[in-house]
Amino acid sequence: MPEQGALLGVNLDWEAETLAEHRDDLAHAPAVAVQFSDVPYDDATWEHTVGAAGQVEENGGVLLLTLEPHGGLDTMSDEVVDRLAEDLRALNADGVPVVLRFAHEMNGSWYAWGQQPQKYVETFRRVAAAVHERAPGTSMMWAPNYGGGYPFTGGQFAALPGTPDHAALDTDGDGAVTMADDTYLPYFPGDDAVDWVGISLYHWGNQRPWGDNDVTEDGKFLAMLTGTYVGTAGDDAAIPDFYQVYGVEHGHPVAIPETSAIYTPSRDGADELAVKRAWWRQVFSERTHEEYPQLKMINWFEWAKFEIEIDDDVDWRAAGSPEVRDAFLADLPPWLRYAEDVDVCGDG
C-alpha cells in the first residue's frame, strides 16, 4: 500500500495478452494484476494462478486474486481453506504479494454465495484467519457490489422473505429489503478479518437499457464512491458512503478492483475515445487524489468481451487501439504508483 497516491493495476485478459506485452504497450509496469479462479480448485486450475503469479514476479507488483466459490459457501471446507492458505504461502515465498478478493459481490443475487450474510461472514472470517496465520504475504480484500439497484430482486440467489438471511438484511426493520436498508453492513466480516475494502465502479451508460455509447455525467465516479449519485441512471442517495464508512471510519485502504466505461462497437452514439476519456478523467482527477487519500488502488478492466447483460460485445479496454492508448497514457496523473513502487515482503 503506497503512503501517497494509488496503485494503478489492470484486469488483464490473460489469454489475449501477457502482462509483459501489456507493460510494453503502455510503457509502465502495472502495480496490480488481477486473476480470477474458482475455489475449490484442482491442480490444473491452480496452475493458471501459478502462471499468472509467475508473470507478476517477473513484472513486479501485486497479484489480486479473485476467488469465486461457484459451488456455494458450503464447499469451503476446512481442507479447502487449509490448502488455499498453503498455496498462497508458496506464492508469497516466491516473492509474489497477493491481495485475496474472496467471494466478491456477495450482496448481489447472481452468485451462489450471494445474499447469505451470516454464512458469508463466517466463511470469510475462516479464510482470513487461515491466510493471516499462514500466508502473511497475503492480504484480505472485502469487495461488495456497488449498491445501486439493491437488493437486485429476481436473481437466482436472492434472499427470500421469511428466511433468516432476509431478516438479517432488513436493517431498518420494516419487513422488506429495499435500498433503504444498508447495502453493505450485514456482509462486513469485521476489521480484524479485512485488510482492504474494494468496490468496482463502472459507467454502463446514462440510462437503461444499458450499453449505449454515452459520455458520462459530470461527477458520477465520486458520487458512486460516496453514495451520493442522483442522475439519469437512478436515485442512489440512500446508499451508504462506502469511502467514508469503510475507508475513513474503519480505517482500511480503499480499492477500485475494476473500473471502465462501456463502449459497444455495434451501437451508435459517442465515439470510443470520448466515452472512455470522460470516465478516466473522473477516475484520475485531481479531486480524487486530493479529497480521497484512502483510495489506494485503481484497476482498469482491460477486456473486450461479450456481456450477457446487454447481449452484445463490449470493448472495455484503455489500450485496445493506439489512439485510445495514447490518450489514456497522456492523462495518467503523477500520483499513480506502479510496480517499481511496490515493496515486496516475503512470507516471514
Protein backbone atom coordinates (compact mmCIF):
# COMPACT_ATOMS: atom_id res chain seq x y z
CA MET A 1 0.00 0.00 0.00
CA PRO A 2 1.58 3.30 -1.02
CA GLU A 3 1.88 6.08 1.54
CA GLN A 4 0.96 8.60 -1.13
CA GLY A 5 -1.13 8.13 -4.26
CA ALA A 6 -2.74 4.95 -5.59
CA LEU A 7 -1.52 1.77 -7.24
CA LEU A 8 -2.54 1.55 -10.89
CA GLY A 9 -3.36 -2.01 -11.92
CA VAL A 10 -5.00 -3.98 -14.67
CA ASN A 11 -7.68 -6.65 -15.06
CA LEU A 12 -5.96 -8.48 -17.89
CA ASP A 13 -7.37 -10.97 -20.39
CA TRP A 14 -4.50 -13.41 -19.88
CA GLU A 15 -5.41 -15.45 -22.96
CA ALA A 16 -5.24 -12.41 -25.24
CA GLU A 17 -2.18 -10.67 -23.81
CA THR A 18 0.66 -11.35 -21.41
CA LEU A 19 1.48 -8.97 -18.60
CA ALA A 20 4.81 -8.20 -20.27
CA GLU A 21 3.07 -7.33 -23.54
CA HIS A 22 0.67 -5.04 -21.70
CA ARG A 23 3.58 -3.43 -19.84
CA ASP A 24 5.48 -2.80 -23.05
CA ASP A 25 2.39 -1.43 -24.81
CA LEU A 26 1.67 1.11 -22.06
CA ALA A 27 5.32 1.83 -21.18
CA HIS A 28 4.73 1.21 -17.49
CA ALA A 29 4.61 -1.88 -15.29
CA PRO A 30 1.18 -2.25 -13.65
CA ALA A 31 1.33 -2.29 -9.87
CA VAL A 32 -1.51 -4.84 -9.68
CA ALA A 33 -2.60 -7.68 -11.96
CA VAL A 34 -5.97 -9.35 -11.41
CA GLN A 35 -6.53 -13.09 -11.76
CA PHE A 36 -9.86 -14.94 -11.38
CA SER A 37 -10.16 -18.54 -10.20
CA ASP A 38 -12.76 -20.99 -8.99
CA VAL A 39 -12.46 -22.34 -5.47
CA PRO A 40 -12.30 -25.20 -4.54
CA TYR A 41 -9.80 -25.81 -7.33
CA ASP A 42 -7.89 -28.78 -8.70
CA ASP A 43 -4.21 -28.83 -9.59
CA ALA A 44 -4.80 -27.78 -13.20
CA THR A 45 -6.91 -24.79 -12.17
CA TRP A 46 -4.36 -23.64 -9.62
CA GLU A 47 -1.64 -23.85 -12.27
CA HIS A 48 -3.36 -20.96 -14.07
CA THR A 49 -2.95 -18.87 -10.92
CA VAL A 50 0.67 -20.01 -10.55
CA GLY A 51 1.26 -18.93 -14.16
CA ALA A 52 -0.22 -15.50 -13.52
CA ALA A 53 1.87 -15.21 -10.35
CA GLY A 54 4.97 -16.01 -12.37
CA GLN A 55 4.22 -13.13 -14.70
CA VAL A 56 3.71 -10.84 -11.69
CA GLU A 57 7.02 -11.99 -10.22
CA GLU A 58 8.78 -11.00 -13.45
CA ASN A 59 6.84 -7.73 -13.75
CA GLY A 60 6.88 -6.72 -10.10
CA GLY A 61 3.86 -5.60 -8.15
CA VAL A 62 0.95 -7.48 -6.62
CA LEU A 63 -1.38 -10.29 -7.68
CA LEU A 64 -5.02 -9.54 -6.88
CA LEU A 65 -6.57 -13.00 -6.76
CA THR A 66 -10.36 -13.10 -7.03
CA LEU A 67 -11.67 -16.44 -5.77
CA GLU A 68 -15.21 -17.48 -6.70
CA PRO A 69 -16.87 -20.40 -4.83
CA HIS A 70 -19.41 -21.19 -7.54
CA GLY A 71 -20.40 -24.38 -5.75
CA GLY A 72 -21.60 -22.30 -2.80
CA LEU A 73 -20.12 -21.40 0.55
CA ASP A 74 -20.60 -24.94 1.88
CA THR A 75 -17.79 -26.06 -0.44
CA MET A 76 -15.29 -24.04 1.64
CA SER A 77 -14.41 -26.89 3.98
CA ASP A 78 -11.52 -26.77 6.41
CA GLU A 79 -9.49 -28.87 3.97
CA VAL A 80 -10.13 -26.42 1.12
CA VAL A 81 -9.21 -23.44 3.29
CA ASP A 82 -6.05 -25.19 4.54
CA ARG A 83 -4.90 -25.92 1.01
CA LEU A 84 -5.60 -22.35 -0.06
CA ALA A 85 -3.52 -20.93 2.80
CA GLU A 86 -0.59 -23.22 1.98
CA ASP A 87 -0.76 -22.43 -1.73
CA LEU A 88 -0.80 -18.70 -1.01
CA ARG A 89 2.15 -19.11 1.34
CA ALA A 90 4.08 -20.73 -1.52
CA LEU A 91 3.33 -17.81 -3.83
CA ASN A 92 4.46 -15.37 -1.14
CA ALA A 93 7.65 -17.36 -0.60
CA ASP A 94 8.40 -16.93 -4.30
CA GLY A 95 8.26 -13.17 -3.82
CA VAL A 96 4.70 -12.53 -5.03
CA PRO A 97 2.50 -10.47 -2.71
CA VAL A 98 -1.19 -11.35 -3.01
CA VAL A 99 -4.37 -9.46 -2.24
CA LEU A 100 -7.13 -12.06 -1.94
CA ARG A 101 -10.57 -10.83 -3.02
CA PHE A 102 -12.70 -13.67 -1.70
CA ALA A 103 -16.32 -14.14 -2.89
CA HIS A 104 -16.81 -10.61 -4.18
CA GLU A 105 -20.21 -9.00 -4.85
CA MET A 106 -21.70 -11.04 -2.02
CA ASN A 107 -24.54 -8.52 -1.67
CA GLY A 108 -25.72 -9.37 -5.19
CA SER A 109 -28.28 -12.03 -6.08
CA TRP A 110 -26.45 -13.61 -9.03
CA TYR A 111 -23.69 -15.67 -7.34
CA ALA A 112 -24.04 -18.87 -5.32
CA TRP A 113 -22.52 -17.08 -2.31
CA GLY A 114 -24.83 -14.07 -2.62
CA GLN A 115 -27.25 -12.66 -0.02
CA GLN A 116 -26.27 -15.13 2.69
CA PRO A 117 -24.81 -12.66 5.17
CA GLN A 118 -24.39 -14.94 8.16
CA LYS A 119 -22.74 -17.81 6.31
CA TYR A 120 -20.72 -15.40 4.20
CA VAL A 121 -19.28 -13.59 7.22
CA GLU A 122 -18.45 -16.88 8.94
CA THR A 123 -16.74 -18.25 5.83
CA PHE A 124 -14.79 -15.06 5.11
CA ARG A 125 -13.54 -14.99 8.69
CA ARG A 126 -12.34 -18.61 8.49
CA VAL A 127 -10.48 -17.90 5.26
CA ALA A 128 -8.99 -14.70 6.68
CA ALA A 129 -7.82 -16.40 9.88
CA ALA A 130 -6.01 -19.11 7.93
CA VAL A 131 -4.47 -16.66 5.47
CA HIS A 132 -3.31 -14.21 8.14
CA GLU A 133 -1.74 -17.00 10.19
CA ARG A 134 -0.08 -18.99 7.41
CA ALA A 135 0.39 -16.67 4.41
CA PRO A 136 1.46 -13.31 5.87
CA GLY A 137 2.41 -12.04 2.41
CA THR A 138 -1.29 -12.12 1.53
CA SER A 139 -3.91 -9.50 2.42
CA MET A 140 -7.68 -9.97 2.50
CA MET A 141 -10.00 -7.76 0.45
CA TRP A 142 -13.71 -7.42 1.14
CA ALA A 143 -15.46 -6.19 -2.00
CA PRO A 144 -19.26 -5.87 -2.22
CA ASN A 145 -21.09 -4.81 -5.36
CA TYR A 146 -21.99 -1.15 -5.73
CA GLY A 147 -25.39 -0.74 -4.07
CA GLY A 148 -27.32 0.97 -6.88
CA GLY A 149 -30.34 -1.23 -7.58
CA TYR A 150 -30.10 -3.16 -4.30
CA PRO A 151 -31.41 -5.72 -3.39
CA PHE A 152 -31.21 -6.78 -7.04
CA THR A 153 -34.51 -8.67 -6.99
CA GLY A 154 -35.04 -11.54 -9.38
CA GLY A 155 -31.62 -13.12 -9.11
CA GLN A 156 -31.31 -16.85 -8.60
CA PHE A 157 -29.80 -16.45 -5.14
CA ALA A 158 -31.88 -13.58 -3.76
CA ALA A 159 -32.69 -13.86 -0.06
CA LEU A 160 -36.32 -14.99 0.33
CA PRO A 161 -38.83 -13.39 2.71
CA GLY A 162 -39.26 -15.39 5.89
CA THR A 163 -35.68 -16.68 5.93
CA PRO A 164 -33.01 -15.73 8.50
CA ASP A 165 -30.94 -14.17 5.70
CA HIS A 166 -33.81 -11.92 4.67
CA ALA A 167 -34.32 -10.87 8.29
CA ALA A 168 -30.61 -10.06 8.64
CA LEU A 169 -30.74 -7.87 5.53
CA ASP A 170 -33.79 -5.94 6.75
CA THR A 171 -31.63 -3.44 8.64
CA ASP A 172 -34.40 -0.86 9.10
CA GLY A 173 -36.83 -3.49 10.41
CA ASP A 174 -39.75 -2.65 8.14
CA GLY A 175 -40.26 -6.23 6.95
CA ALA A 176 -38.86 -5.66 3.45
CA VAL A 177 -35.39 -5.47 1.94
CA THR A 178 -35.01 -2.33 -0.16
CA MET A 179 -32.35 0.23 -0.99
CA ALA A 180 -33.30 1.92 2.28
CA ASP A 181 -31.58 -0.96 4.07
CA ASP A 182 -27.82 -0.91 4.49
CA THR A 183 -26.47 -2.46 1.29
CA TYR A 184 -23.06 -3.31 2.78
CA LEU A 185 -23.00 -3.65 6.58
CA PRO A 186 -24.73 -7.07 7.01
CA TYR A 187 -21.95 -8.61 4.92
CA PHE A 188 -18.98 -6.92 6.62
CA PRO A 189 -16.76 -9.59 8.23
CA GLY A 190 -15.09 -7.33 10.80
CA ASP A 191 -12.00 -5.16 10.88
CA ASP A 192 -9.76 -7.96 12.15
CA ALA A 193 -10.58 -10.08 9.09
CA VAL A 194 -10.36 -7.31 6.48
CA ASP A 195 -7.20 -5.59 5.23
CA TRP A 196 -8.52 -3.88 2.08
CA VAL A 197 -12.02 -2.82 1.13
CA GLY A 198 -12.96 -2.62 -2.52
CA ILE A 199 -15.85 -1.62 -4.72
CA SER A 200 -15.93 -1.88 -8.51
CA LEU A 201 -17.37 1.16 -10.27
CA TYR A 202 -18.31 1.14 -13.94
CA HIS A 203 -20.01 3.54 -16.31
CA TRP A 204 -22.62 1.33 -18.04
CA GLY A 205 -24.31 4.26 -19.76
CA ASN A 206 -26.52 7.12 -18.68
CA GLN A 207 -29.83 5.28 -18.53
CA ARG A 208 -31.50 1.92 -19.05
CA PRO A 209 -31.33 -0.09 -21.20
CA TRP A 210 -27.58 -0.22 -20.67
CA GLY A 211 -24.99 -0.49 -23.40
CA ASP A 212 -25.38 2.74 -25.36
CA ASN A 213 -22.26 4.75 -26.04
CA ASP A 214 -22.92 7.64 -23.68
CA VAL A 215 -20.46 10.16 -22.30
CA THR A 216 -20.77 10.06 -18.51
CA GLU A 217 -22.38 12.79 -16.44
CA ASP A 218 -20.03 15.06 -14.52
CA GLY A 219 -19.06 13.82 -11.06
CA LYS A 220 -20.52 10.34 -11.43
CA PHE A 221 -17.47 8.34 -10.30
CA LEU A 222 -17.03 10.09 -6.96
CA ALA A 223 -20.79 10.23 -6.40
CA MET A 224 -20.95 6.44 -6.72
CA LEU A 225 -17.97 6.00 -4.40
CA THR A 226 -19.63 8.16 -1.74
CA GLY A 227 -23.25 7.01 -2.16
CA THR A 228 -24.49 10.37 -3.40
CA TYR A 229 -25.29 9.61 -7.03
CA VAL A 230 -28.60 11.02 -8.28
CA GLY A 231 -28.83 11.27 -12.05
CA THR A 232 -30.20 9.83 -15.25
CA ALA A 233 -29.27 6.28 -14.19
CA GLY A 234 -31.30 6.50 -10.98
CA ASP A 235 -31.50 7.84 -7.44
CA ASP A 236 -28.90 6.10 -5.27
CA ALA A 237 -28.86 8.64 -2.45
CA ALA A 238 -29.96 6.02 0.10
CA ILE A 239 -26.73 4.05 -0.37
CA PRO A 240 -24.13 4.41 2.40
CA ASP A 241 -20.94 6.36 1.75
CA PHE A 242 -18.61 3.43 1.09
CA TYR A 243 -15.46 5.54 1.19
CA GLN A 244 -16.33 7.36 4.42
CA VAL A 245 -17.61 4.34 6.32
CA TYR A 246 -15.04 1.71 5.37
CA GLY A 247 -12.10 3.83 4.29
CA VAL A 248 -12.19 6.62 6.87
CA GLU A 249 -14.21 5.36 9.85
CA HIS A 250 -12.94 1.77 9.67
CA GLY A 251 -9.51 2.90 8.51
CA HIS A 252 -8.99 0.49 5.60
CA PRO A 253 -7.29 1.27 2.30
CA VAL A 254 -9.92 1.52 -0.43
CA ALA A 255 -9.57 -0.17 -3.82
CA ILE A 256 -11.43 0.08 -7.09
CA PRO A 257 -10.73 -3.52 -8.17
CA GLU A 258 -12.40 -2.96 -11.55
CA THR A 259 -13.38 0.14 -13.49
CA SER A 260 -14.04 1.19 -17.08
CA ALA A 261 -16.67 2.81 -19.30
CA ILE A 262 -18.81 0.78 -21.64
CA TYR A 263 -18.15 1.06 -25.37
CA THR A 264 -20.30 -1.15 -27.61
CA PRO A 265 -18.84 -1.15 -31.14
CA SER A 266 -22.09 -2.25 -32.80
CA ARG A 267 -24.06 0.74 -31.47
CA ASP A 268 -24.34 4.40 -32.33
CA GLY A 269 -23.59 7.28 -30.00
CA ALA A 270 -20.36 8.91 -28.88
CA ASP A 271 -17.08 7.57 -30.18
CA GLU A 272 -14.85 5.26 -28.15
CA LEU A 273 -12.31 7.86 -27.09
CA ALA A 274 -14.97 10.32 -25.95
CA VAL A 275 -16.75 7.69 -23.85
CA LYS A 276 -13.66 6.30 -22.15
CA ARG A 277 -11.73 9.54 -21.72
CA ALA A 278 -14.65 11.25 -19.95
CA TRP A 279 -14.71 8.39 -17.44
CA TRP A 280 -11.00 8.02 -16.79
CA ARG A 281 -10.64 11.77 -16.34
CA GLN A 282 -13.11 11.47 -13.46
CA VAL A 283 -11.38 8.41 -12.01
CA PHE A 284 -7.93 10.01 -12.17
CA SER A 285 -8.98 13.57 -11.39
CA GLU A 286 -7.00 15.79 -9.06
CA ARG A 287 -10.07 15.91 -6.83
CA THR A 288 -9.96 12.13 -6.49
CA HIS A 289 -6.37 12.36 -5.31
CA GLU A 290 -6.71 15.36 -3.02
CA GLU A 291 -10.02 14.61 -1.30
CA TYR A 292 -9.89 10.79 -1.10
CA PRO A 293 -6.42 9.85 0.18
CA GLN A 294 -7.60 6.44 1.41
CA LEU A 295 -8.14 5.40 -2.22
CA LYS A 296 -5.01 3.30 -2.72
CA MET A 297 -5.68 1.05 -5.72
CA ILE A 298 -7.40 1.51 -9.11
CA ASN A 299 -7.50 -1.32 -11.67
CA TRP A 300 -8.64 -0.77 -15.26
CA PHE A 301 -10.74 -3.57 -16.81
CA GLU A 302 -8.73 -4.38 -19.93
CA TRP A 303 -11.09 -6.78 -21.69
CA ALA A 304 -13.07 -6.97 -24.90
CA LYS A 305 -15.83 -9.48 -24.25
CA PHE A 306 -19.45 -10.46 -24.66
CA GLU A 307 -21.65 -9.08 -21.87
CA ILE A 308 -24.79 -11.06 -21.17
CA GLU A 309 -26.42 -8.02 -19.51
CA ILE A 310 -26.73 -6.27 -22.88
CA ASP A 311 -26.44 -9.28 -25.21
CA ASP A 312 -23.62 -7.64 -27.12
CA ASP A 313 -19.85 -7.37 -27.41
CA VAL A 314 -18.20 -4.64 -25.34
CA ASP A 315 -14.70 -3.20 -25.58
CA TRP A 316 -13.74 -2.00 -22.09
CA ARG A 317 -10.05 -1.57 -22.88
CA ALA A 318 -7.95 1.54 -22.46
CA ALA A 319 -5.27 0.11 -24.76
CA GLY A 320 -7.37 -1.50 -27.46
CA SER A 321 -6.26 0.95 -30.14
CA PRO A 322 -3.23 3.25 -30.46
CA GLU A 323 -5.43 6.36 -30.35
CA VAL A 324 -7.19 5.44 -27.12
CA ARG A 325 -4.00 4.08 -25.53
CA ASP A 326 -2.04 7.25 -26.26
CA ALA A 327 -4.81 9.44 -24.86
CA PHE A 328 -5.02 7.24 -21.76
CA LEU A 329 -1.29 7.48 -21.13
CA ALA A 330 -1.31 11.24 -21.66
CA ASP A 331 -3.98 11.65 -18.96
CA LEU A 332 -2.42 9.44 -16.26
CA PRO A 333 -1.53 11.72 -13.34
CA PRO A 334 1.77 11.73 -11.45
CA TRP A 335 0.21 10.48 -8.22
CA LEU A 336 -0.31 6.98 -9.60
CA ARG A 337 2.11 4.28 -8.47
CA TYR A 338 3.47 1.36 -10.50
CA ALA A 339 5.15 -1.98 -9.92
CA GLU A 340 8.50 -0.45 -9.04
CA ASP A 341 6.81 1.39 -6.19
CA VAL A 342 5.60 -1.84 -4.52
CA ASP A 343 7.75 -3.14 -1.68
CA VAL A 344 7.73 -6.93 -1.86
CA CYS A 345 7.61 -8.67 1.52
CA GLY A 346 8.37 -12.35 1.80
CA ASP A 347 6.39 -14.93 3.72
CA GLY A 348 8.05 -14.10 7.03
